[in-house]
Amino acid sequence: MALPMRRHRGRVQYEGGAWPSRAWDPFTEFQQLWDQMGRLFEQSAETDVAAWRPVAETEETPEAYIVRTELPGLKRDDINVDIDGNELCISGEINEEEKGRGNMLRRRTGKFVYRTILPTDADAEKIDGELHDGVLTLRVPKTEQGRARRVQIKG
């Protein structure tokens, strides 16, 4: 994300105060754009298949990528987590409960799908997950090459 800049007596100042904490990374920005495009194409292609899309977020830590998906009311056996290359797919179905006449259903039911592309430094072979209080948390560790490390200077 580019921040607006102003020049003031030869100095560049960013609007909003301090300098950005991280250098601009075009690959991260491209990855986010790619994810958004994938979601748009997925929505148009899967209108018959997926009745809804769960709320999800991805967080990056120095050691791993964390994917959290809100799946209230689901049990572990109702959720499928699949990896195809570097694509992570979370899917499942919430079945409507049979109730008496006159009830209005105000919660999401039916099939759902959430897809995202994992970064190239993600170690998809070592993913672990946990379902707690309706939130599925997947931890995707980074490969050794993808982890930040300090370089020792000799001489």
N, C-alpha and C. Protein backbone atom coordinates (compact mmCIF):
# COMPACT_ATOMS: atom_id res chain seq x y z
N MET A 1 0.84 -1.15 0.00
CA MET A 1 0.00 0.00 0.00
C MET A 1 0.89 1.22 0.00
N ALA A 2 0.74 2.07 -0.95
CA ALA A 2 1.54 3.28 -1.05
C ALA A 2 0.90 4.37 -0.19
N LEU A 3 1.73 5.06 0.55
CA LEU A 3 1.25 6.16 1.37
C LEU A 3 1.47 7.48 0.64
N PRO A 4 0.54 8.43 0.75
CA PRO A 4 0.76 9.73 0.11
C PRO A 4 1.94 10.44 0.74
N MET A 5 2.70 11.15 -0.09
CA MET A 5 3.89 11.84 0.39
C MET A 5 3.77 13.33 0.09
N ARG A 6 4.43 14.12 0.88
CA ARG A 6 4.56 15.55 0.65
C ARG A 6 6.02 15.94 0.81
N ARG A 7 6.48 16.83 -0.05
CA ARG A 7 7.84 17.35 0.08
C ARG A 7 7.75 18.65 0.86
N HIS A 8 8.60 18.76 1.85
CA HIS A 8 8.62 19.96 2.68
C HIS A 8 10.08 20.37 2.88
N ARG A 9 10.48 21.42 2.19
CA ARG A 9 11.85 21.93 2.28
C ARG A 9 12.88 20.84 2.04
N GLY A 10 12.68 20.09 0.97
CA GLY A 10 13.65 19.08 0.58
C GLY A 10 13.49 17.74 1.28
N ARG A 11 12.65 17.66 2.31
CA ARG A 11 12.43 16.39 3.02
C ARG A 11 11.12 15.77 2.56
N VAL A 12 11.07 14.48 2.50
CA VAL A 12 9.84 13.79 2.15
C VAL A 12 9.15 13.39 3.45
N GLN A 13 7.88 13.73 3.55
CA GLN A 13 7.10 13.36 4.72
C GLN A 13 5.91 12.53 4.28
N TYR A 14 5.62 11.46 5.03
CA TYR A 14 4.44 10.66 4.75
C TYR A 14 3.28 11.25 5.53
N GLU A 15 2.13 11.33 4.87
CA GLU A 15 0.94 11.76 5.59
C GLU A 15 0.58 10.66 6.57
N GLY A 16 0.12 11.03 7.72
CA GLY A 16 -0.23 10.05 8.71
C GLY A 16 0.88 9.83 9.72
N GLY A 17 1.96 10.60 9.63
CA GLY A 17 2.96 10.55 10.68
C GLY A 17 4.22 9.84 10.30
N ALA A 18 4.53 8.79 11.05
CA ALA A 18 5.83 8.13 10.97
C ALA A 18 6.03 7.41 9.65
N TRP A 19 7.29 7.09 9.39
CA TRP A 19 7.63 6.32 8.21
C TRP A 19 6.99 4.94 8.31
N PRO A 20 6.70 4.32 7.20
CA PRO A 20 6.14 2.96 7.25
C PRO A 20 7.11 2.03 7.97
N SER A 21 6.56 1.08 8.74
CA SER A 21 7.40 0.18 9.53
C SER A 21 8.10 -0.86 8.67
N ARG A 22 7.55 -1.20 7.51
CA ARG A 22 8.17 -2.19 6.64
C ARG A 22 8.36 -1.60 5.26
N ALA A 23 9.38 -2.05 4.61
CA ALA A 23 9.60 -1.63 3.24
C ALA A 23 8.51 -2.22 2.36
N TRP A 24 8.19 -1.52 1.29
CA TRP A 24 7.16 -2.00 0.37
C TRP A 24 7.63 -3.28 -0.28
N ASP A 25 6.79 -4.28 -0.25
CA ASP A 25 7.12 -5.57 -0.83
C ASP A 25 6.14 -5.86 -1.96
N PRO A 26 6.59 -5.73 -3.20
CA PRO A 26 5.66 -5.94 -4.32
C PRO A 26 5.12 -7.36 -4.38
N PHE A 27 5.88 -8.35 -3.89
CA PHE A 27 5.42 -9.73 -3.94
C PHE A 27 4.25 -9.96 -2.98
N THR A 28 4.30 -9.33 -1.81
CA THR A 28 3.20 -9.45 -0.87
C THR A 28 1.95 -8.78 -1.44
N GLU A 29 2.13 -7.62 -2.02
CA GLU A 29 1.00 -6.92 -2.62
C GLU A 29 0.41 -7.73 -3.77
N PHE A 30 1.27 -8.34 -4.58
CA PHE A 30 0.80 -9.17 -5.68
C PHE A 30 0.05 -10.39 -5.14
N GLN A 31 0.55 -10.98 -4.04
CA GLN A 31 -0.10 -12.15 -3.44
C GLN A 31 -1.51 -11.77 -2.97
N GLN A 32 -1.65 -10.61 -2.34
CA GLN A 32 -2.96 -10.16 -1.87
C GLN A 32 -3.90 -9.94 -3.05
N LEU A 33 -3.40 -9.33 -4.11
CA LEU A 33 -4.20 -9.11 -5.31
C LEU A 33 -4.62 -10.44 -5.93
N TRP A 34 -3.68 -11.39 -5.98
CA TRP A 34 -3.97 -12.71 -6.51
C TRP A 34 -5.07 -13.40 -5.70
N ASP A 35 -5.00 -13.30 -4.36
CA ASP A 35 -6.03 -13.89 -3.51
C ASP A 35 -7.40 -13.26 -3.78
N GLN A 36 -7.43 -11.93 -3.92
CA GLN A 36 -8.69 -11.24 -4.19
C GLN A 36 -9.27 -11.66 -5.54
N MET A 37 -8.40 -11.77 -6.55
CA MET A 37 -8.87 -12.20 -7.87
C MET A 37 -9.41 -13.62 -7.81
N GLY A 38 -8.72 -14.48 -7.06
CA GLY A 38 -9.18 -15.86 -6.92
C GLY A 38 -10.54 -15.93 -6.27
N ARG A 39 -10.76 -15.10 -5.25
CA ARG A 39 -12.06 -15.09 -4.58
C ARG A 39 -13.16 -14.62 -5.54
N LEU A 40 -12.86 -13.59 -6.35
CA LEU A 40 -13.85 -13.09 -7.31
C LEU A 40 -14.21 -14.16 -8.33
N PHE A 41 -13.20 -14.82 -8.90
CA PHE A 41 -13.47 -15.87 -9.87
C PHE A 41 -14.20 -17.04 -9.23
N GLU A 42 -13.82 -17.35 -7.99
CA GLU A 42 -14.45 -18.44 -7.28
C GLU A 42 -15.93 -18.15 -7.04
N GLN A 43 -16.24 -16.91 -6.67
CA GLN A 43 -17.63 -16.54 -6.43
C GLN A 43 -18.47 -16.72 -7.69
N SER A 44 -17.93 -16.31 -8.82
CA SER A 44 -18.70 -16.43 -10.05
C SER A 44 -18.80 -17.87 -10.51
N ALA A 45 -17.77 -18.68 -10.29
CA ALA A 45 -17.77 -20.05 -10.76
C ALA A 45 -18.52 -21.00 -9.83
N GLU A 46 -18.60 -20.68 -8.54
CA GLU A 46 -19.18 -21.62 -7.58
C GLU A 46 -20.50 -21.14 -7.01
N THR A 47 -21.25 -20.36 -7.75
CA THR A 47 -22.50 -19.87 -7.20
C THR A 47 -23.48 -21.00 -6.91
N ASP A 48 -23.40 -22.09 -7.69
CA ASP A 48 -24.30 -23.21 -7.44
C ASP A 48 -23.79 -24.10 -6.32
N VAL A 49 -22.48 -24.13 -6.11
CA VAL A 49 -21.89 -25.07 -5.17
C VAL A 49 -21.87 -24.51 -3.75
N ALA A 50 -21.30 -23.33 -3.57
CA ALA A 50 -21.13 -22.77 -2.23
C ALA A 50 -22.27 -21.80 -1.93
N ALA A 51 -22.99 -22.07 -0.85
CA ALA A 51 -24.09 -21.19 -0.46
C ALA A 51 -23.58 -19.96 0.27
N TRP A 52 -22.43 -20.06 0.91
CA TRP A 52 -21.87 -18.93 1.64
C TRP A 52 -20.37 -19.11 1.81
N ARG A 53 -19.72 -18.04 2.21
CA ARG A 53 -18.27 -18.04 2.40
C ARG A 53 -17.98 -17.63 3.86
N PRO A 54 -17.20 -18.41 4.59
CA PRO A 54 -16.91 -18.05 5.98
C PRO A 54 -15.98 -16.84 6.07
N VAL A 55 -16.07 -16.14 7.19
CA VAL A 55 -15.15 -15.05 7.47
C VAL A 55 -13.79 -15.66 7.79
N ALA A 56 -12.74 -15.15 7.16
CA ALA A 56 -11.41 -15.72 7.36
C ALA A 56 -10.38 -14.60 7.37
N GLU A 57 -9.28 -14.85 8.07
CA GLU A 57 -8.16 -13.90 8.10
C GLU A 57 -6.87 -14.69 8.08
N THR A 58 -5.84 -14.05 7.53
CA THR A 58 -4.51 -14.66 7.49
C THR A 58 -3.54 -13.72 8.18
N GLU A 59 -2.70 -14.29 9.03
CA GLU A 59 -1.70 -13.52 9.77
C GLU A 59 -0.34 -14.15 9.51
N GLU A 60 0.68 -13.31 9.39
CA GLU A 60 2.04 -13.81 9.21
C GLU A 60 2.84 -13.54 10.47
N THR A 61 3.49 -14.57 10.98
CA THR A 61 4.41 -14.44 12.11
C THR A 61 5.80 -14.78 11.58
N PRO A 62 6.85 -14.56 12.36
CA PRO A 62 8.20 -14.92 11.87
C PRO A 62 8.35 -16.41 11.55
N GLU A 63 7.58 -17.28 12.21
CA GLU A 63 7.74 -18.72 12.02
C GLU A 63 6.68 -19.36 11.13
N ALA A 64 5.50 -18.71 10.98
CA ALA A 64 4.40 -19.40 10.29
C ALA A 64 3.37 -18.41 9.76
N TYR A 65 2.45 -18.94 8.95
CA TYR A 65 1.25 -18.23 8.52
C TYR A 65 0.09 -18.83 9.30
N ILE A 66 -0.75 -17.99 9.83
CA ILE A 66 -1.90 -18.44 10.61
C ILE A 66 -3.16 -18.08 9.83
N VAL A 67 -4.02 -19.07 9.57
CA VAL A 67 -5.28 -18.85 8.89
C VAL A 67 -6.40 -19.16 9.88
N ARG A 68 -7.22 -18.15 10.18
CA ARG A 68 -8.35 -18.34 11.10
C ARG A 68 -9.64 -18.20 10.29
N THR A 69 -10.55 -19.15 10.49
CA THR A 69 -11.82 -19.16 9.78
C THR A 69 -12.94 -19.35 10.78
N GLU A 70 -13.95 -18.48 10.73
CA GLU A 70 -15.09 -18.59 11.63
C GLU A 70 -16.08 -19.60 11.07
N LEU A 71 -16.29 -20.68 11.83
CA LEU A 71 -17.20 -21.75 11.42
C LEU A 71 -18.10 -22.13 12.59
N PRO A 72 -18.98 -21.22 13.02
CA PRO A 72 -19.80 -21.50 14.20
C PRO A 72 -20.76 -22.67 13.98
N GLY A 73 -20.87 -23.49 15.00
CA GLY A 73 -21.81 -24.59 14.96
C GLY A 73 -21.32 -25.84 14.25
N LEU A 74 -20.10 -25.81 13.73
CA LEU A 74 -19.58 -26.98 13.02
C LEU A 74 -18.71 -27.84 13.94
N LYS A 75 -18.75 -29.13 13.68
CA LYS A 75 -17.88 -30.07 14.37
C LYS A 75 -16.69 -30.38 13.47
N ARG A 76 -15.66 -30.92 14.06
CA ARG A 76 -14.43 -31.24 13.32
C ARG A 76 -14.72 -32.11 12.11
N ASP A 77 -15.63 -33.07 12.24
CA ASP A 77 -15.94 -33.99 11.14
C ASP A 77 -16.70 -33.32 10.00
N ASP A 78 -17.25 -32.12 10.23
CA ASP A 78 -18.01 -31.41 9.20
C ASP A 78 -17.12 -30.54 8.31
N ILE A 79 -15.82 -30.46 8.63
CA ILE A 79 -14.91 -29.54 7.94
C ILE A 79 -13.87 -30.34 7.17
N ASN A 80 -13.62 -29.93 5.94
CA ASN A 80 -12.56 -30.53 5.11
C ASN A 80 -11.49 -29.48 4.87
N VAL A 81 -10.24 -29.86 5.09
CA VAL A 81 -9.10 -28.99 4.78
C VAL A 81 -8.24 -29.75 3.78
N ASP A 82 -8.10 -29.17 2.59
CA ASP A 82 -7.35 -29.81 1.52
C ASP A 82 -6.25 -28.90 1.02
N ILE A 83 -5.16 -29.50 0.59
CA ILE A 83 -4.03 -28.78 -0.02
C ILE A 83 -3.84 -29.34 -1.42
N ASP A 84 -3.81 -28.45 -2.40
CA ASP A 84 -3.52 -28.84 -3.78
C ASP A 84 -2.43 -27.92 -4.29
N GLY A 85 -1.20 -28.42 -4.30
CA GLY A 85 -0.06 -27.56 -4.63
C GLY A 85 0.12 -26.54 -3.52
N ASN A 86 -0.03 -25.26 -3.85
CA ASN A 86 0.05 -24.23 -2.81
C ASN A 86 -1.30 -23.60 -2.53
N GLU A 87 -2.39 -24.27 -2.95
CA GLU A 87 -3.74 -23.77 -2.67
C GLU A 87 -4.32 -24.48 -1.46
N LEU A 88 -4.78 -23.68 -0.50
CA LEU A 88 -5.43 -24.20 0.70
C LEU A 88 -6.94 -24.05 0.50
N CYS A 89 -7.68 -25.11 0.72
CA CYS A 89 -9.14 -25.10 0.54
C CYS A 89 -9.79 -25.62 1.82
N ILE A 90 -10.67 -24.80 2.40
CA ILE A 90 -11.46 -25.19 3.57
C ILE A 90 -12.90 -25.26 3.09
N SER A 91 -13.54 -26.41 3.28
CA SER A 91 -14.91 -26.58 2.80
C SER A 91 -15.71 -27.42 3.78
N GLY A 92 -16.99 -27.46 3.56
CA GLY A 92 -17.87 -28.26 4.39
C GLY A 92 -19.31 -27.91 4.14
N GLU A 93 -20.17 -28.34 5.06
CA GLU A 93 -21.59 -28.08 4.90
C GLU A 93 -22.25 -28.02 6.27
N ILE A 94 -23.12 -27.04 6.43
CA ILE A 94 -23.96 -26.95 7.63
C ILE A 94 -25.35 -27.37 7.21
N ASN A 95 -25.83 -28.45 7.79
CA ASN A 95 -27.15 -28.95 7.44
C ASN A 95 -28.22 -28.26 8.27
N GLU A 96 -29.34 -28.02 7.65
CA GLU A 96 -30.47 -27.38 8.33
C GLU A 96 -31.12 -28.39 9.26
N GLU A 97 -31.39 -27.95 10.48
CA GLU A 97 -32.05 -28.84 11.43
C GLU A 97 -33.54 -28.88 11.14
N GLU A 98 -34.12 -30.07 11.27
CA GLU A 98 -35.55 -30.22 11.07
C GLU A 98 -36.26 -29.72 12.32
N LYS A 99 -37.16 -28.76 12.13
CA LYS A 99 -37.91 -28.21 13.26
C LYS A 99 -39.38 -28.16 12.88
N GLY A 100 -40.16 -27.79 13.84
CA GLY A 100 -41.60 -27.68 13.61
C GLY A 100 -41.93 -26.56 12.63
N ARG A 101 -43.20 -26.41 12.33
CA ARG A 101 -43.64 -25.40 11.38
C ARG A 101 -43.57 -24.02 12.00
N GLY A 102 -43.40 -23.01 11.15
CA GLY A 102 -43.46 -21.63 11.60
C GLY A 102 -42.14 -21.05 12.08
N ASN A 103 -41.05 -21.81 12.07
CA ASN A 103 -39.76 -21.28 12.50
C ASN A 103 -39.07 -20.57 11.34
N MET A 104 -38.43 -19.46 11.66
CA MET A 104 -37.62 -18.77 10.66
C MET A 104 -36.16 -19.08 10.95
N LEU A 105 -35.44 -19.48 9.94
CA LEU A 105 -34.03 -19.80 10.09
C LEU A 105 -33.22 -18.54 9.81
N ARG A 106 -32.40 -18.12 10.76
CA ARG A 106 -31.63 -16.90 10.61
C ARG A 106 -30.12 -17.16 10.68
N ARG A 107 -29.71 -18.36 10.39
CA ARG A 107 -28.28 -18.65 10.36
C ARG A 107 -27.94 -19.26 9.02
N ARG A 108 -26.67 -19.27 8.71
CA ARG A 108 -26.22 -19.79 7.43
C ARG A 108 -26.27 -21.31 7.41
N THR A 109 -26.75 -21.83 6.32
CA THR A 109 -26.77 -23.27 6.12
C THR A 109 -26.31 -23.56 4.69
N GLY A 110 -25.99 -24.79 4.45
CA GLY A 110 -25.57 -25.21 3.12
C GLY A 110 -24.06 -25.36 3.03
N LYS A 111 -23.59 -25.53 1.80
CA LYS A 111 -22.17 -25.74 1.56
C LYS A 111 -21.41 -24.42 1.63
N PHE A 112 -20.14 -24.52 2.03
CA PHE A 112 -19.26 -23.36 2.04
C PHE A 112 -17.89 -23.76 1.53
N VAL A 113 -17.18 -22.78 0.99
CA VAL A 113 -15.82 -22.99 0.51
C VAL A 113 -15.02 -21.73 0.76
N TYR A 114 -13.81 -21.90 1.27
CA TYR A 114 -12.85 -20.80 1.38
C TYR A 114 -11.54 -21.29 0.78
N ARG A 115 -10.99 -20.52 -0.16
CA ARG A 115 -9.73 -20.89 -0.79
C ARG A 115 -8.75 -19.73 -0.68
N THR A 116 -7.48 -20.08 -0.52
CA THR A 116 -6.42 -19.09 -0.54
C THR A 116 -5.15 -19.74 -1.07
N ILE A 117 -4.30 -18.92 -1.65
CA ILE A 117 -3.02 -19.40 -2.16
C ILE A 117 -1.97 -19.17 -1.08
N LEU A 118 -1.26 -20.22 -0.71
CA LEU A 118 -0.21 -20.10 0.29
C LEU A 118 1.06 -19.53 -0.35
N PRO A 119 1.80 -18.71 0.39
CA PRO A 119 3.08 -18.19 -0.13
C PRO A 119 4.04 -19.33 -0.44
N THR A 120 5.01 -19.06 -1.28
CA THR A 120 5.94 -20.11 -1.71
C THR A 120 6.81 -20.64 -0.58
N ASP A 121 6.99 -19.84 0.50
CA ASP A 121 7.82 -20.32 1.60
C ASP A 121 7.01 -21.07 2.67
N ALA A 122 5.74 -21.37 2.39
CA ALA A 122 4.91 -22.13 3.33
C ALA A 122 5.22 -23.61 3.20
N ASP A 123 5.31 -24.30 4.33
CA ASP A 123 5.58 -25.74 4.35
C ASP A 123 4.23 -26.47 4.51
N ALA A 124 3.58 -26.73 3.39
CA ALA A 124 2.24 -27.31 3.39
C ALA A 124 2.20 -28.73 3.97
N GLU A 125 3.34 -29.39 4.05
CA GLU A 125 3.39 -30.75 4.59
C GLU A 125 3.26 -30.77 6.11
N LYS A 126 3.46 -29.63 6.76
CA LYS A 126 3.47 -29.60 8.23
C LYS A 126 2.35 -28.76 8.82
N ILE A 127 1.24 -28.61 8.10
CA ILE A 127 0.11 -27.82 8.60
C ILE A 127 -0.54 -28.55 9.77
N ASP A 128 -0.88 -27.79 10.80
CA ASP A 128 -1.69 -28.37 11.87
C ASP A 128 -2.86 -27.43 12.14
N GLY A 129 -3.94 -27.99 12.65
CA GLY A 129 -5.15 -27.21 12.86
C GLY A 129 -5.83 -27.53 14.16
N GLU A 130 -6.66 -26.58 14.58
CA GLU A 130 -7.41 -26.73 15.83
C GLU A 130 -8.75 -26.02 15.67
N LEU A 131 -9.81 -26.64 16.13
CA LEU A 131 -11.14 -26.05 16.12
C LEU A 131 -11.54 -25.78 17.57
N HIS A 132 -11.75 -24.50 17.88
CA HIS A 132 -12.08 -24.13 19.25
C HIS A 132 -13.09 -22.98 19.22
N ASP A 133 -14.22 -23.17 19.88
CA ASP A 133 -15.27 -22.15 19.97
C ASP A 133 -15.70 -21.63 18.60
N GLY A 134 -15.82 -22.53 17.63
CA GLY A 134 -16.30 -22.16 16.31
C GLY A 134 -15.28 -21.47 15.42
N VAL A 135 -14.01 -21.43 15.84
CA VAL A 135 -12.96 -20.83 15.03
C VAL A 135 -11.93 -21.90 14.68
N LEU A 136 -11.77 -22.13 13.38
CA LEU A 136 -10.75 -23.06 12.91
C LEU A 136 -9.46 -22.28 12.73
N THR A 137 -8.40 -22.71 13.41
CA THR A 137 -7.09 -22.06 13.29
C THR A 137 -6.12 -23.05 12.68
N LEU A 138 -5.59 -22.68 11.51
CA LEU A 138 -4.59 -23.49 10.84
C LEU A 138 -3.25 -22.79 10.94
N ARG A 139 -2.23 -23.53 11.33
CA ARG A 139 -0.87 -22.99 11.41
C ARG A 139 -0.05 -23.63 10.31
N VAL A 140 0.43 -22.79 9.40
CA VAL A 140 1.23 -23.26 8.27
C VAL A 140 2.66 -22.77 8.50
N PRO A 141 3.57 -23.65 8.94
CA PRO A 141 4.94 -23.20 9.21
C PRO A 141 5.65 -22.75 7.94
N LYS A 142 6.61 -21.87 8.13
CA LYS A 142 7.46 -21.44 7.01
C LYS A 142 8.61 -22.43 6.88
N THR A 143 9.10 -22.56 5.66
CA THR A 143 10.29 -23.38 5.45
C THR A 143 11.49 -22.65 6.07
N GLU A 144 12.56 -23.36 6.29
CA GLU A 144 13.76 -22.73 6.86
C GLU A 144 14.24 -21.56 5.99
N GLN A 145 14.13 -21.70 4.67
CA GLN A 145 14.58 -20.64 3.78
C GLN A 145 13.69 -19.41 3.88
N GLY A 146 12.44 -19.58 4.29
CA GLY A 146 11.51 -18.46 4.36
C GLY A 146 11.54 -17.70 5.67
N ARG A 147 12.21 -18.24 6.68
CA ARG A 147 12.24 -17.59 7.99
C ARG A 147 13.29 -16.49 8.03
N ALA A 148 12.96 -15.44 8.74
CA ALA A 148 13.91 -14.34 8.90
C ALA A 148 15.05 -14.80 9.81
N ARG A 149 16.23 -14.38 9.50
CA ARG A 149 17.39 -14.74 10.33
C ARG A 149 18.44 -13.66 10.20
N ARG A 150 19.31 -13.60 11.17
CA ARG A 150 20.38 -12.60 11.18
C ARG A 150 21.61 -13.20 10.51
N VAL A 151 22.27 -12.40 9.71
CA VAL A 151 23.48 -12.83 9.01
C VAL A 151 24.69 -12.34 9.80
N GLN A 152 25.57 -13.27 10.10
CA GLN A 152 26.80 -12.92 10.81
C GLN A 152 27.79 -12.31 9.83
N ILE A 153 28.39 -11.22 10.23
CA ILE A 153 29.39 -10.53 9.40
C ILE A 153 30.77 -10.93 9.90
N LYS A 154 31.60 -11.39 8.99
CA LYS A 154 32.94 -11.84 9.35
C LYS A 154 33.94 -10.74 9.01
N GLY A 155 35.06 -10.78 9.70
CA GLY A 155 36.16 -9.88 9.36
C GLY A 155 36.33 -8.78 10.25
